[in-house]
Amino acid sequence: MIINQINNYFKNNGFSLIENMIAILIMLIISIAYTALFTNAFTGVYSAGYKSEALLTAQDDLENAIADSNFIGNDIGKKSFTVTITRGDTGINDPINVTGTEIQVTKNYDDDSKNVVLKTFVPDE
């Protein structure tokens, strides 16, 4: 009697072909969704890497342009500039004018479709 119950349990508790195919279809849909998610994630990681590389190169060029006034590059712009500083509520109304050079470095990345711009002001001595 116990053996018959065990045999009936194992005979009746299996998955049919339709149930297996539905399970495979659900796993396939989930796999496709994750593949699209990972593709976008990898694209973002690579783009961030290219941007970081462009920022590092731009920072190096900017530091070289600050250290050496004769430093020239295709993507480096220099122009004379005056910054005016006013002191609001201090009662002193005379503005302070600081002359110097504005340096701008532009680096392209992602096949020249995007760019990084660093800009600074170097006062005259």
PDB file of N, CA and C in Angstrom:
ATOM      1  N   MET A   1       0.811  -1.185   0.000  1.00  0.00           N
ATOM      2  CA  MET A   1       0.000   0.000   0.000  1.00  0.00           C
ATOM      3  C   MET A   1       0.863   1.260   0.000  1.00  0.00           C
ATOM      4  N   ILE A   2       1.863   1.321   0.826  1.00  0.00           N
ATOM      5  CA  ILE A   2       2.754   2.480   0.861  1.00  0.00           C
ATOM      6  C   ILE A   2       3.532   2.576  -0.449  1.00  0.00           C
ATOM      7  N   ILE A   3       3.912   1.467  -0.994  1.00  0.00           N
ATOM      8  CA  ILE A   3       4.664   1.487  -2.252  1.00  0.00           C
ATOM      9  C   ILE A   3       3.785   2.026  -3.377  1.00  0.00           C
ATOM     10  N   ASN A   4       2.511   1.664  -3.398  1.00  0.00           N
ATOM     11  CA  ASN A   4       1.600   2.198  -4.419  1.00  0.00           C
ATOM     12  C   ASN A   4       1.431   3.710  -4.287  1.00  0.00           C
ATOM     13  N   GLN A   5       1.357   4.221  -3.065  1.00  0.00           N
ATOM     14  CA  GLN A   5       1.239   5.664  -2.867  1.00  0.00           C
ATOM     15  C   GLN A   5       2.491   6.381  -3.361  1.00  0.00           C
ATOM     16  N   ILE A   6       3.647   5.811  -3.085  1.00  0.00           N
ATOM     17  CA  ILE A   6       4.906   6.421  -3.549  1.00  0.00           C
ATOM     18  C   ILE A   6       4.952   6.413  -5.077  1.00  0.00           C
ATOM     19  N   ASN A   7       4.572   5.316  -5.700  1.00  0.00           N
ATOM     20  CA  ASN A   7       4.576   5.232  -7.165  1.00  0.00           C
ATOM     21  C   ASN A   7       3.597   6.232  -7.773  1.00  0.00           C
ATOM     22  N   ASN A   8       2.420   6.382  -7.187  1.00  0.00           N
ATOM     23  CA  ASN A   8       1.440   7.355  -7.688  1.00  0.00           C
ATOM     24  C   ASN A   8       1.951   8.791  -7.530  1.00  0.00           C
ATOM     25  N   TYR A   9       2.636   9.049  -6.443  1.00  0.00           N
ATOM     26  CA  TYR A   9       3.184  10.398  -6.215  1.00  0.00           C
ATOM     27  C   TYR A   9       4.172  10.770  -7.315  1.00  0.00           C
ATOM     28  N   PHE A  10       5.070   9.859  -7.635  1.00  0.00           N
ATOM     29  CA  PHE A  10       6.076  10.158  -8.655  1.00  0.00           C
ATOM     30  C   PHE A  10       5.503  10.155 -10.065  1.00  0.00           C
ATOM     31  N   LYS A  11       4.444   9.416 -10.323  1.00  0.00           N
ATOM     32  CA  LYS A  11       3.836   9.399 -11.644  1.00  0.00           C
ATOM     33  C   LYS A  11       3.079  10.685 -11.942  1.00  0.00           C
ATOM     34  N   ASN A  12       2.429  11.262 -10.957  1.00  0.00           N
ATOM     35  CA  ASN A  12       1.551  12.398 -11.174  1.00  0.00           C
ATOM     36  C   ASN A  12       2.217  13.759 -10.965  1.00  0.00           C
ATOM     37  N   ASN A  13       3.405  13.810 -10.438  1.00  0.00           N
ATOM     38  CA  ASN A  13       4.042  15.088 -10.126  1.00  0.00           C
ATOM     39  C   ASN A  13       5.213  15.378 -11.054  1.00  0.00           C
ATOM     40  N   GLY A  14       4.947  15.620 -12.290  1.00  0.00           N
ATOM     41  CA  GLY A  14       5.978  15.999 -13.242  1.00  0.00           C
ATOM     42  C   GLY A  14       5.531  17.233 -14.001  1.00  0.00           C
ATOM     43  N   PHE A  15       6.433  17.792 -14.774  1.00  0.00           N
ATOM     44  CA  PHE A  15       6.098  18.948 -15.590  1.00  0.00           C
ATOM     45  C   PHE A  15       5.743  18.472 -16.985  1.00  0.00           C
ATOM     46  N   SER A  16       4.725  19.051 -17.549  1.00  0.00           N
ATOM     47  CA  SER A  16       4.348  18.702 -18.916  1.00  0.00           C
ATOM     48  C   SER A  16       5.223  19.487 -19.889  1.00  0.00           C
ATOM     49  N   LEU A  17       5.147  19.117 -21.138  1.00  0.00           N
ATOM     50  CA  LEU A  17       5.929  19.795 -22.172  1.00  0.00           C
ATOM     51  C   LEU A  17       5.510  21.259 -22.291  1.00  0.00           C
ATOM     52  N   ILE A  18       4.241  21.540 -22.179  1.00  0.00           N
ATOM     53  CA  ILE A  18       3.750  22.923 -22.275  1.00  0.00           C
ATOM     54  C   ILE A  18       4.304  23.761 -21.120  1.00  0.00           C
ATOM     55  N   GLU A  19       4.291  23.219 -19.919  1.00  0.00           N
ATOM     56  CA  GLU A  19       4.819  23.954 -18.763  1.00  0.00           C
ATOM     57  C   GLU A  19       6.308  24.243 -18.931  1.00  0.00           C
ATOM     58  N   ASN A  20       7.043  23.278 -19.436  1.00  0.00           N
ATOM     59  CA  ASN A  20       8.482  23.497 -19.689  1.00  0.00           C
ATOM     60  C   ASN A  20       8.706  24.574 -20.748  1.00  0.00           C
ATOM     61  N   MET A  21       7.911  24.559 -21.808  1.00  0.00           N
ATOM     62  CA  MET A  21       8.088  25.545 -22.864  1.00  0.00           C
ATOM     63  C   MET A  21       7.725  26.952 -22.374  1.00  0.00           C
ATOM     64  N   ILE A  22       6.706  27.068 -21.545  1.00  0.00           N
ATOM     65  CA  ILE A  22       6.338  28.369 -20.981  1.00  0.00           C
ATOM     66  C   ILE A  22       7.454  28.884 -20.070  1.00  0.00           C
ATOM     67  N   ALA A  23       8.040  28.006 -19.270  1.00  0.00           N
ATOM     68  CA  ALA A  23       9.142  28.406 -18.394  1.00  0.00           C
ATOM     69  C   ALA A  23      10.349  28.873 -19.209  1.00  0.00           C
ATOM     70  N   ILE A  24      10.646  28.163 -20.281  1.00  0.00           N
ATOM     71  CA  ILE A  24      11.764  28.555 -21.150  1.00  0.00           C
ATOM     72  C   ILE A  24      11.470  29.892 -21.816  1.00  0.00           C
ATOM     73  N   LEU A  25      10.245  30.122 -22.247  1.00  0.00           N
ATOM     74  CA  LEU A  25       9.868  31.387 -22.872  1.00  0.00           C
ATOM     75  C   LEU A  25      10.007  32.554 -21.888  1.00  0.00           C
ATOM     76  N   ILE A  26       9.578  32.352 -20.664  1.00  0.00           N
ATOM     77  CA  ILE A  26       9.712  33.406 -19.644  1.00  0.00           C
ATOM     78  C   ILE A  26      11.187  33.713 -19.381  1.00  0.00           C
ATOM     79  N   MET A  27      12.011  32.681 -19.261  1.00  0.00           N
ATOM     80  CA  MET A  27      13.448  32.911 -19.045  1.00  0.00           C
ATOM     81  C   MET A  27      14.084  33.609 -20.240  1.00  0.00           C
ATOM     82  N   LEU A  28      13.622  33.288 -21.447  1.00  0.00           N
ATOM     83  CA  LEU A  28      14.149  33.941 -22.648  1.00  0.00           C
ATOM     84  C   LEU A  28      13.797  35.420 -22.658  1.00  0.00           C
ATOM     85  N   ILE A  29      12.591  35.779 -22.302  1.00  0.00           N
ATOM     86  CA  ILE A  29      12.180  37.191 -22.257  1.00  0.00           C
ATOM     87  C   ILE A  29      13.001  37.954 -21.213  1.00  0.00           C
ATOM     88  N   ILE A  30      13.202  37.353 -20.056  1.00  0.00           N
ATOM     89  CA  ILE A  30      14.011  38.001 -19.013  1.00  0.00           C
ATOM     90  C   ILE A  30      15.459  38.159 -19.481  1.00  0.00           C
ATOM     91  N   SER A  31      15.996  37.144 -20.159  1.00  0.00           N
ATOM     92  CA  SER A  31      17.378  37.226 -20.660  1.00  0.00           C
ATOM     93  C   SER A  31      17.542  38.346 -21.680  1.00  0.00           C
ATOM     94  N   ILE A  32      16.577  38.497 -22.566  1.00  0.00           N
ATOM     95  CA  ILE A  32      16.642  39.567 -23.570  1.00  0.00           C
ATOM     96  C   ILE A  32      16.603  40.930 -22.891  1.00  0.00           C
ATOM     97  N   ALA A  33      15.764  41.077 -21.875  1.00  0.00           N
ATOM     98  CA  ALA A  33      15.686  42.357 -21.153  1.00  0.00           C
ATOM     99  C   ALA A  33      17.016  42.673 -20.470  1.00  0.00           C
ATOM    100  N   TYR A  34      17.628  41.680 -19.843  1.00  0.00           N
ATOM    101  CA  TYR A  34      18.910  41.917 -19.180  1.00  0.00           C
ATOM    102  C   TYR A  34      20.022  42.196 -20.182  1.00  0.00           C
ATOM    103  N   THR A  35      19.960  41.576 -21.346  1.00  0.00           N
ATOM    104  CA  THR A  35      20.977  41.844 -22.369  1.00  0.00           C
ATOM    105  C   THR A  35      20.921  43.304 -22.796  1.00  0.00           C
ATOM    106  N   ALA A  36      19.730  43.838 -23.003  1.00  0.00           N
ATOM    107  CA  ALA A  36      19.600  45.255 -23.369  1.00  0.00           C
ATOM    108  C   ALA A  36      20.093  46.145 -22.237  1.00  0.00           C
ATOM    109  N   LEU A  37      19.805  45.784 -21.006  1.00  0.00           N
ATOM    110  CA  LEU A  37      20.256  46.558 -19.853  1.00  0.00           C
ATOM    111  C   LEU A  37      21.781  46.581 -19.769  1.00  0.00           C
ATOM    112  N   PHE A  38      22.407  45.421 -19.930  1.00  0.00           N
ATOM    113  CA  PHE A  38      23.871  45.367 -19.861  1.00  0.00           C
ATOM    114  C   PHE A  38      24.526  46.097 -21.018  1.00  0.00           C
ATOM    115  N   THR A  39      23.913  46.062 -22.193  1.00  0.00           N
ATOM    116  CA  THR A  39      24.472  46.781 -23.338  1.00  0.00           C
ATOM    117  C   THR A  39      24.496  48.282 -23.059  1.00  0.00           C
ATOM    118  N   ASN A  40      23.400  48.809 -22.532  1.00  0.00           N
ATOM    119  CA  ASN A  40      23.369  50.237 -22.191  1.00  0.00           C
ATOM    120  C   ASN A  40      24.354  50.563 -21.077  1.00  0.00           C
ATOM    121  N   ALA A  41      24.493  49.671 -20.109  1.00  0.00           N
ATOM    122  CA  ALA A  41      25.428  49.913 -19.013  1.00  0.00           C
ATOM    123  C   ALA A  41      26.860  49.958 -19.528  1.00  0.00           C
ATOM    124  N   PHE A  42      27.225  49.040 -20.403  1.00  0.00           N
ATOM    125  CA  PHE A  42      28.591  49.033 -20.940  1.00  0.00           C
ATOM    126  C   PHE A  42      28.846  50.265 -21.798  1.00  0.00           C
ATOM    127  N   THR A  43      27.863  50.707 -22.545  1.00  0.00           N
ATOM    128  CA  THR A  43      28.012  51.931 -23.340  1.00  0.00           C
ATOM    129  C   THR A  43      28.273  53.124 -22.429  1.00  0.00           C
ATOM    130  N   GLY A  44      27.544  53.206 -21.326  1.00  0.00           N
ATOM    131  CA  GLY A  44      27.757  54.290 -20.365  1.00  0.00           C
ATOM    132  C   GLY A  44      29.127  54.230 -19.719  1.00  0.00           C
ATOM    133  N   VAL A  45      29.600  53.034 -19.405  1.00  0.00           N
ATOM    134  CA  VAL A  45      30.925  52.878 -18.791  1.00  0.00           C
ATOM    135  C   VAL A  45      32.013  53.322 -19.760  1.00  0.00           C
ATOM    136  N   TYR A  46      31.911  52.903 -21.015  1.00  0.00           N
ATOM    137  CA  TYR A  46      32.918  53.304 -21.998  1.00  0.00           C
ATOM    138  C   TYR A  46      32.894  54.808 -22.244  1.00  0.00           C
ATOM    139  N   SER A  47      31.714  55.390 -22.315  1.00  0.00           N
ATOM    140  CA  SER A  47      31.602  56.834 -22.513  1.00  0.00           C
ATOM    141  C   SER A  47      32.212  57.588 -21.338  1.00  0.00           C
ATOM    142  N   ALA A  48      31.967  57.122 -20.129  1.00  0.00           N
ATOM    143  CA  ALA A  48      32.567  57.757 -18.949  1.00  0.00           C
ATOM    144  C   ALA A  48      34.085  57.628 -18.967  1.00  0.00           C
ATOM    145  N   GLY A  49      34.585  56.513 -19.445  1.00  0.00           N
ATOM    146  CA  GLY A  49      36.033  56.337 -19.548  1.00  0.00           C
ATOM    147  C   GLY A  49      36.656  57.302 -20.541  1.00  0.00           C
ATOM    148  N   TYR A  50      36.002  57.465 -21.692  1.00  0.00           N
ATOM    149  CA  TYR A  50      36.512  58.411 -22.686  1.00  0.00           C
ATOM    150  C   TYR A  50      36.467  59.840 -22.159  1.00  0.00           C
ATOM    151  N   LYS A  51      35.407  60.176 -21.420  1.00  0.00           N
ATOM    152  CA  LYS A  51      35.297  61.519 -20.848  1.00  0.00           C
ATOM    153  C   LYS A  51      36.382  61.747 -19.807  1.00  0.00           C
ATOM    154  N   SER A  52      36.653  60.750 -18.978  1.00  0.00           N
ATOM    155  CA  SER A  52      37.717  60.879 -17.969  1.00  0.00           C
ATOM    156  C   SER A  52      39.075  61.075 -18.627  1.00  0.00           C
ATOM    157  N   GLU A  53      39.316  60.340 -19.704  1.00  0.00           N
ATOM    158  CA  GLU A  53      40.580  60.489 -20.429  1.00  0.00           C
ATOM    159  C   GLU A  53      40.709  61.890 -21.025  1.00  0.00           C
ATOM    160  N   ALA A  54      39.617  62.405 -21.588  1.00  0.00           N
ATOM    161  CA  ALA A  54      39.626  63.761 -22.153  1.00  0.00           C
ATOM    162  C   ALA A  54      39.834  64.802 -21.057  1.00  0.00           C
ATOM    163  N   LEU A  55      39.205  64.606 -19.890  1.00  0.00           N
ATOM    164  CA  LEU A  55      39.397  65.537 -18.768  1.00  0.00           C
ATOM    165  C   LEU A  55      40.840  65.541 -18.283  1.00  0.00           C
ATOM    166  N   LEU A  56      41.446  64.366 -18.195  1.00  0.00           N
ATOM    167  CA  LEU A  56      42.836  64.284 -17.747  1.00  0.00           C
ATOM    168  C   LEU A  56      43.769  64.994 -18.725  1.00  0.00           C
ATOM    169  N   THR A  57      43.569  64.771 -20.007  1.00  0.00           N
ATOM    170  CA  THR A  57      44.394  65.426 -21.018  1.00  0.00           C
ATOM    171  C   THR A  57      44.188  66.941 -20.996  1.00  0.00           C
ATOM    172  N   ALA A  58      42.926  67.373 -20.853  1.00  0.00           N
ATOM    173  CA  ALA A  58      42.642  68.809 -20.791  1.00  0.00           C
ATOM    174  C   ALA A  58      43.269  69.437 -19.551  1.00  0.00           C
ATOM    175  N   GLN A  59      43.222  68.737 -18.428  1.00  0.00           N
ATOM    176  CA  GLN A  59      43.824  69.263 -17.203  1.00  0.00           C
ATOM    177  C   GLN A  59      45.338  69.382 -17.348  1.00  0.00           C
ATOM    178  N   ASP A  60      45.980  68.396 -17.972  1.00  0.00           N
ATOM    179  CA  ASP A  60      47.427  68.477 -18.210  1.00  0.00           C
ATOM    180  C   ASP A  60      47.767  69.682 -19.085  1.00  0.00           C
ATOM    181  N   ASP A  61      47.010  69.874 -20.167  1.00  0.00           N
ATOM    182  CA  ASP A  61      47.267  71.014 -21.055  1.00  0.00           C
ATOM    183  C   ASP A  61      47.017  72.339 -20.341  1.00  0.00           C
ATOM    184  N   LEU A  62      45.983  72.384 -19.504  1.00  0.00           N
ATOM    185  CA  LEU A  62      45.683  73.610 -18.763  1.00  0.00           C
ATOM    186  C   LEU A  62      46.812  73.933 -17.784  1.00  0.00           C
ATOM    187  N   GLU A  63      47.304  72.934 -17.081  1.00  0.00           N
ATOM    188  CA  GLU A  63      48.414  73.163 -16.147  1.00  0.00           C
ATOM    189  C   GLU A  63      49.682  73.596 -16.876  1.00  0.00           C
ATOM    190  N   ASN A  64      49.943  73.003 -18.045  1.00  0.00           N
ATOM    191  CA  ASN A  64      51.116  73.412 -18.833  1.00  0.00           C
ATOM    192  C   ASN A  64      50.961  74.844 -19.333  1.00  0.00           C
ATOM    193  N   ALA A  65      49.745  75.224 -19.733  1.00  0.00           N
ATOM    194  CA  ALA A  65      49.516  76.586 -20.206  1.00  0.00           C
ATOM    195  C   ALA A  65      49.654  77.602 -19.074  1.00  0.00           C
ATOM    196  N   ILE A  66      49.288  77.220 -17.845  1.00  0.00           N
ATOM    197  CA  ILE A  66      49.455  78.116 -16.698  1.00  0.00           C
ATOM    198  C   ILE A  66      50.936  78.259 -16.356  1.00  0.00           C
ATOM    199  N   ALA A  67      51.655  77.142 -16.377  1.00  0.00           N
ATOM    200  CA  ALA A  67      53.074  77.165 -15.995  1.00  0.00           C
ATOM    201  C   ALA A  67      53.935  77.859 -17.042  1.00  0.00           C
ATOM    202  N   ASP A  68      53.613  77.703 -18.307  1.00  0.00           N
ATOM    203  CA  ASP A  68      54.424  78.265 -19.389  1.00  0.00           C
ATOM    204  C   ASP A  68      53.524  79.147 -20.245  1.00  0.00           C
ATOM    205  N   SER A  69      53.744  80.454 -20.194  1.00  0.00           N
ATOM    206  CA  SER A  69      52.889  81.383 -20.934  1.00  0.00           C
ATOM    207  C   SER A  69      53.042  81.232 -22.446  1.00  0.00           C
ATOM    208  N   ASN A  70      54.108  80.566 -22.898  1.00  0.00           N
ATOM    209  CA  ASN A  70      54.320  80.364 -24.331  1.00  0.00           C
ATOM    210  C   ASN A  70      53.784  79.015 -24.817  1.00  0.00           C
ATOM    211  N   PHE A  71      53.175  78.250 -23.933  1.00  0.00           N
ATOM    212  CA  PHE A  71      52.627  76.937 -24.303  1.00  0.00           C
ATOM    213  C   PHE A  71      51.490  77.127 -25.293  1.00  0.00           C
ATOM    214  N   ILE A  72      51.575  76.418 -26.428  1.00  0.00           N
ATOM    215  CA  ILE A  72      50.587  76.578 -27.501  1.00  0.00           C
ATOM    216  C   ILE A  72      50.019  75.199 -27.841  1.00  0.00           C
ATOM    217  N   GLY A  73      48.742  75.170 -28.096  1.00  0.00           N
ATOM    218  CA  GLY A  73      48.078  73.953 -28.547  1.00  0.00           C
ATOM    219  C   GLY A  73      46.902  74.308 -29.429  1.00  0.00           C
ATOM    220  N   ASN A  74      46.472  73.358 -30.251  1.00  0.00           N
ATOM    221  CA  ASN A  74      45.355  73.619 -31.163  1.00  0.00           C
ATOM    222  C   ASN A  74      44.048  73.850 -30.421  1.00  0.00           C
ATOM    223  N   ASP A  75      43.941  73.260 -29.252  1.00  0.00           N
ATOM    224  CA  ASP A  75      42.683  73.331 -28.518  1.00  0.00           C
ATOM    225  C   ASP A  75      42.787  74.218 -27.279  1.00  0.00           C
ATOM    226  N   ILE A  76      43.767  75.112 -27.268  1.00  0.00           N
ATOM    227  CA  ILE A  76      43.969  76.018 -26.138  1.00  0.00           C
ATOM    228  C   ILE A  76      43.724  77.441 -26.611  1.00  0.00           C
ATOM    229  N   GLY A  77      42.837  78.133 -25.910  1.00  0.00           N
ATOM    230  CA  GLY A  77      42.558  79.523 -26.232  1.00  0.00           C
ATOM    231  C   GLY A  77      42.980  80.423 -25.087  1.00  0.00           C
ATOM    232  N   LYS A  78      43.641  81.534 -25.414  1.00  0.00           N
ATOM    233  CA  LYS A  78      44.070  82.503 -24.398  1.00  0.00           C
ATOM    234  C   LYS A  78      43.582  83.877 -24.823  1.00  0.00           C
ATOM    235  N   LYS A  79      43.122  84.650 -23.849  1.00  0.00           N
ATOM    236  CA  LYS A  79      42.753  86.031 -24.146  1.00  0.00           C
ATOM    237  C   LYS A  79      42.902  86.864 -22.884  1.00  0.00           C
ATOM    238  N   SER A  80      43.193  88.147 -23.095  1.00  0.00           N
ATOM    239  CA  SER A  80      43.304  89.068 -21.967  1.00  0.00           C
ATOM    240  C   SER A  80      41.920  89.273 -21.382  1.00  0.00           C
ATOM    241  N   PHE A  81      41.893  89.421 -20.075  1.00  0.00           N
ATOM    242  CA  PHE A  81      40.610  89.473 -19.396  1.00  0.00           C
ATOM    243  C   PHE A  81      40.753  90.325 -18.149  1.00  0.00           C
ATOM    244  N   THR A  82      39.698  91.015 -17.774  1.00  0.00           N
ATOM    245  CA  THR A  82      39.689  91.797 -16.543  1.00  0.00           C
ATOM    246  C   THR A  82      38.503  91.364 -15.692  1.00  0.00           C
ATOM    247  N   VAL A  83      38.792  91.041 -14.455  1.00  0.00           N
ATOM    248  CA  VAL A  83      37.748  90.652 -13.511  1.00  0.00           C
ATOM    249  C   VAL A  83      37.517  91.832 -12.576  1.00  0.00           C
ATOM    250  N   THR A  84      36.257  92.208 -12.413  1.00  0.00           N
ATOM    251  CA  THR A  84      35.914  93.300 -11.510  1.00  0.00           C
ATOM    252  C   THR A  84      35.230  92.714 -10.281  1.00  0.00           C
ATOM    253  N   ILE A  85      35.771  93.056  -9.126  1.00  0.00           N
ATOM    254  CA  ILE A  85      35.224  92.567  -7.863  1.00  0.00           C
ATOM    255  C   ILE A  85      34.648  93.751  -7.107  1.00  0.00           C
ATOM    256  N   THR A  86      33.390  93.643  -6.753  1.00  0.00           N
ATOM    257  CA  THR A  86      32.765  94.682  -5.933  1.00  0.00           C
ATOM    258  C   THR A  86      32.438  94.081  -4.575  1.00  0.00           C
ATOM    259  N   ARG A  87      32.537  94.912  -3.559  1.00  0.00           N
ATOM    260  CA  ARG A  87      32.298  94.453  -2.193  1.00  0.00           C
ATOM    261  C   ARG A  87      30.977  95.033  -1.726  1.00  0.00           C
ATOM    262  N   GLY A  88      29.932  94.274  -1.840  1.00  0.00           N
ATOM    263  CA  GLY A  88      28.558  94.657  -1.595  1.00  0.00           C
ATOM    264  C   GLY A  88      28.278  95.575  -0.433  1.00  0.00           C
ATOM    265  N   ASP A  89      27.997  95.076   0.733  1.00  0.00           N
ATOM    266  CA  ASP A  89      27.503  95.849   1.861  1.00  0.00           C
ATOM    267  C   ASP A  89      28.597  96.290   2.827  1.00  0.00           C
ATOM    268  N   THR A  90      29.826  96.375   2.380  1.00  0.00           N
ATOM    269  CA  THR A  90      30.915  96.744   3.293  1.00  0.00           C
ATOM    270  C   THR A  90      31.080  98.245   3.430  1.00  0.00           C
ATOM    271  N   GLY A  91      30.407  99.032   2.612  1.00  0.00           N
ATOM    272  CA  GLY A  91      30.542 100.478   2.659  1.00  0.00           C
ATOM    273  C   GLY A  91      31.663 100.981   1.771  1.00  0.00           C
ATOM    274  N   ILE A  92      32.436 100.079   1.216  1.00  0.00           N
ATOM    275  CA  ILE A  92      33.507 100.462   0.299  1.00  0.00           C
ATOM    276  C   ILE A  92      32.979 100.253  -1.109  1.00  0.00           C
ATOM    277  N   ASN A  93      32.885 101.325  -1.860  1.00  0.00           N
ATOM    278  CA  ASN A  93      32.259 101.246  -3.175  1.00  0.00           C
ATOM    279  C   ASN A  93      33.257 101.150  -4.323  1.00  0.00           C
ATOM    280  N   ASP A  94      34.534 101.195  -4.024  1.00  0.00           N
ATOM    281  CA  ASP A  94      35.526 101.124  -5.092  1.00  0.00           C
ATOM    282  C   ASP A  94      35.676  99.671  -5.550  1.00  0.00           C
ATOM    283  N   PRO A  95      35.419  99.411  -6.803  1.00  0.00           N
ATOM    284  CA  PRO A  95      35.611  98.043  -7.292  1.00  0.00           C
ATOM    285  C   PRO A  95      37.093  97.747  -7.462  1.00  0.00           C
ATOM    286  N   ILE A  96      37.423  96.480  -7.395  1.00  0.00           N
ATOM    287  CA  ILE A  96      38.798  96.034  -7.619  1.00  0.00           C
ATOM    288  C   ILE A  96      38.846  95.405  -9.003  1.00  0.00           C
ATOM    289  N   ASN A  97      39.762  95.887  -9.834  1.00  0.00           N
ATOM    290  CA  ASN A  97      39.951  95.337 -11.167  1.00  0.00           C
ATOM    291  C   ASN A  97      41.215  94.496 -11.182  1.00  0.00           C
ATOM    292  N   VAL A  98      41.083  93.261 -11.617  1.00  0.00           N
ATOM    293  CA  VAL A  98      42.217  92.346 -11.712  1.00  0.00           C
ATOM    294  C   VAL A  98      42.367  91.968 -13.174  1.00  0.00           C
ATOM    295  N   THR A  99      43.532  92.283 -13.734  1.00  0.00           N
ATOM    296  CA  THR A  99      43.793  91.930 -15.135  1.00  0.00           C
ATOM    297  C   THR A  99      44.585  90.638 -15.172  1.00  0.00           C
ATOM    298  N   GLY A 100      44.359  89.906 -16.218  1.00  0.00           N
ATOM    299  CA  GLY A 100      45.069  88.645 -16.374  1.00  0.00           C
ATOM    300  C   GLY A 100      44.709  87.984 -17.689  1.00  0.00           C
ATOM    301  N   THR A 101      44.874  86.686 -17.724  1.00  0.00           N
ATOM    302  CA  THR A 101      44.621  85.910 -18.935  1.00  0.00           C
ATOM    303  C   THR A 101      43.613  84.813 -18.632  1.00  0.00           C
ATOM    304  N   GLU A 102      42.629  84.706 -19.490  1.00  0.00           N
ATOM    305  CA  GLU A 102      41.698  83.585 -19.399  1.00  0.00           C
ATOM    306  C   GLU A 102      42.213  82.487 -20.318  1.00  0.00           C
ATOM    307  N   ILE A 103      42.342  81.288 -19.779  1.00  0.00           N
ATOM    308  CA  ILE A 103      42.819  80.151 -20.563  1.00  0.00           C
ATOM    309  C   ILE A 103      41.685  79.141 -20.651  1.00  0.00           C
ATOM    310  N   GLN A 104      41.403  78.713 -21.872  1.00  0.00           N
ATOM    311  CA  GLN A 104      40.356  77.719 -22.084  1.00  0.00           C
ATOM    312  C   GLN A 104      40.912  76.552 -22.886  1.00  0.00           C
ATOM    313  N   VAL A 105      40.665  75.348 -22.398  1.00  0.00           N
ATOM    314  CA  VAL A 105      41.106  74.139 -23.092  1.00  0.00           C
ATOM    315  C   VAL A 105      39.866  73.323 -23.449  1.00  0.00           C
ATOM    316  N   THR A 106      39.779  72.908 -24.710  1.00  0.00           N
ATOM    317  CA  THR A 106      38.660  72.097 -25.185  1.00  0.00           C
ATOM    318  C   THR A 106      39.198  70.796 -25.741  1.00  0.00           C
ATOM    319  N   LYS A 107      38.676  69.679 -25.255  1.00  0.00           N
ATOM    320  CA  LYS A 107      39.072  68.353 -25.748  1.00  0.00           C
ATOM    321  C   LYS A 107      37.823  67.623 -26.215  1.00  0.00           C
ATOM    322  N   ASN A 108      37.904  67.016 -27.389  1.00  0.00           N
ATOM    323  CA  ASN A 108      36.801  66.231 -27.944  1.00  0.00           C
ATOM    324  C   ASN A 108      36.976  64.761 -27.597  1.00  0.00           C
ATOM    325  N   TYR A 109      35.862  64.074 -27.443  1.00  0.00           N
ATOM    326  CA  TYR A 109      35.891  62.632 -27.224  1.00  0.00           C
ATOM    327  C   TYR A 109      34.638  62.013 -27.839  1.00  0.00           C
ATOM    328  N   ASP A 110      34.549  60.706 -27.855  1.00  0.00           N
ATOM    329  CA  ASP A 110      33.438  59.970 -28.492  1.00  0.00           C
ATOM    330  C   ASP A 110      33.308  60.364 -29.953  1.00  0.00           C
ATOM    331  N   ASP A 111      34.378  60.159 -30.714  1.00  0.00           N
ATOM    332  CA  ASP A 111      34.398  60.463 -32.149  1.00  0.00           C
ATOM    333  C   ASP A 111      34.045  61.914 -32.433  1.00  0.00           C
ATOM    334  N   ASP A 112      34.553  62.814 -31.613  1.00  0.00           N
ATOM    335  CA  ASP A 112      34.367  64.256 -31.747  1.00  0.00           C
ATOM    336  C   ASP A 112      32.911  64.697 -31.629  1.00  0.00           C
ATOM    337  N   SER A 113      32.048  63.854 -31.084  1.00  0.00           N
ATOM    338  CA  SER A 113      30.650  64.254 -30.942  1.00  0.00           C
ATOM    339  C   SER A 113      30.391  64.974 -29.611  1.00  0.00           C
ATOM    340  N   LYS A 114      31.292  64.805 -28.650  1.00  0.00           N
ATOM    341  CA  LYS A 114      31.154  65.458 -27.352  1.00  0.00           C
ATOM    342  C   LYS A 114      32.483  66.115 -27.002  1.00  0.00           C
ATOM    343  N   ASN A 115      32.430  67.114 -26.121  1.00  0.00           N
ATOM    344  CA  ASN A 115      33.684  67.753 -25.736  1.00  0.00           C
ATOM    345  C   ASN A 115      33.669  68.132 -24.256  1.00  0.00           C
ATOM    346  N   VAL A 116      34.875  68.333 -23.756  1.00  0.00           N
ATOM    347  CA  VAL A 116      35.110  68.765 -22.381  1.00  0.00           C
ATOM    348  C   VAL A 116      35.784  70.124 -22.460  1.00  0.00           C
ATOM    349  N   VAL A 117      35.304  71.089 -21.671  1.00  0.00           N
ATOM    350  CA  VAL A 117      35.876  72.433 -21.674  1.00  0.00           C
ATOM    351  C   VAL A 117      36.305  72.777 -20.257  1.00  0.00           C
ATOM    352  N   LEU A 118      37.591  73.137 -20.107  1.00  0.00           N
ATOM    353  CA  LEU A 118      38.111  73.624 -18.831  1.00  0.00           C
ATOM    354  C   LEU A 118      38.545  75.069 -19.050  1.00  0.00           C
ATOM    355  N   LYS A 119      38.180  75.938 -18.112  1.00  0.00           N
ATOM    356  CA  LYS A 119      38.482  77.352 -18.243  1.00  0.00           C
ATOM    357  C   LYS A 119      38.982  77.861 -16.902  1.00  0.00           C
ATOM    358  N   THR A 120      40.014  78.708 -16.938  1.00  0.00           N
ATOM    359  CA  THR A 120      40.541  79.298 -15.712  1.00  0.00           C
ATOM    360  C   THR A 120      41.020  80.712 -15.986  1.00  0.00           C
ATOM    361  N   PHE A 121      41.229  81.449 -14.915  1.00  0.00           N
ATOM    362  CA  PHE A 121      41.729  82.823 -14.991  1.00  0.00           C
ATOM    363  C   PHE A 121      43.052  82.880 -14.249  1.00  0.00           C
ATOM    364  N   VAL A 122      44.083  83.394 -14.920  1.00  0.00           N
ATOM    365  CA  VAL A 122      45.400  83.548 -14.309  1.00  0.00           C
ATOM    366  C   VAL A 122      45.688  85.040 -14.211  1.00  0.00           C
ATOM    367  N   PRO A 123      45.750  85.595 -12.998  1.00  0.00           N
ATOM    368  CA  PRO A 123      45.995  87.034 -12.862  1.00  0.00           C
ATOM    369  C   PRO A 123      47.439  87.377 -13.238  1.00  0.00           C
ATOM    370  N   ASP A 124      47.601  88.615 -13.730  1.00  0.00           N
ATOM    371  CA  ASP A 124      48.958  89.091 -14.003  1.00  0.00           C
ATOM    372  C   ASP A 124      49.662  89.337 -12.666  1.00  0.00           C
ATOM    373  N   GLU A 125      50.961  89.245 -12.717  1.00  0.00           N
ATOM    374  CA  GLU A 125      51.728  89.419 -11.482  1.00  0.00           C
ATOM    375  C   GLU A 125      51.914  90.862 -11.124  1.00  0.00           C
TER     376      GLU A 125
END
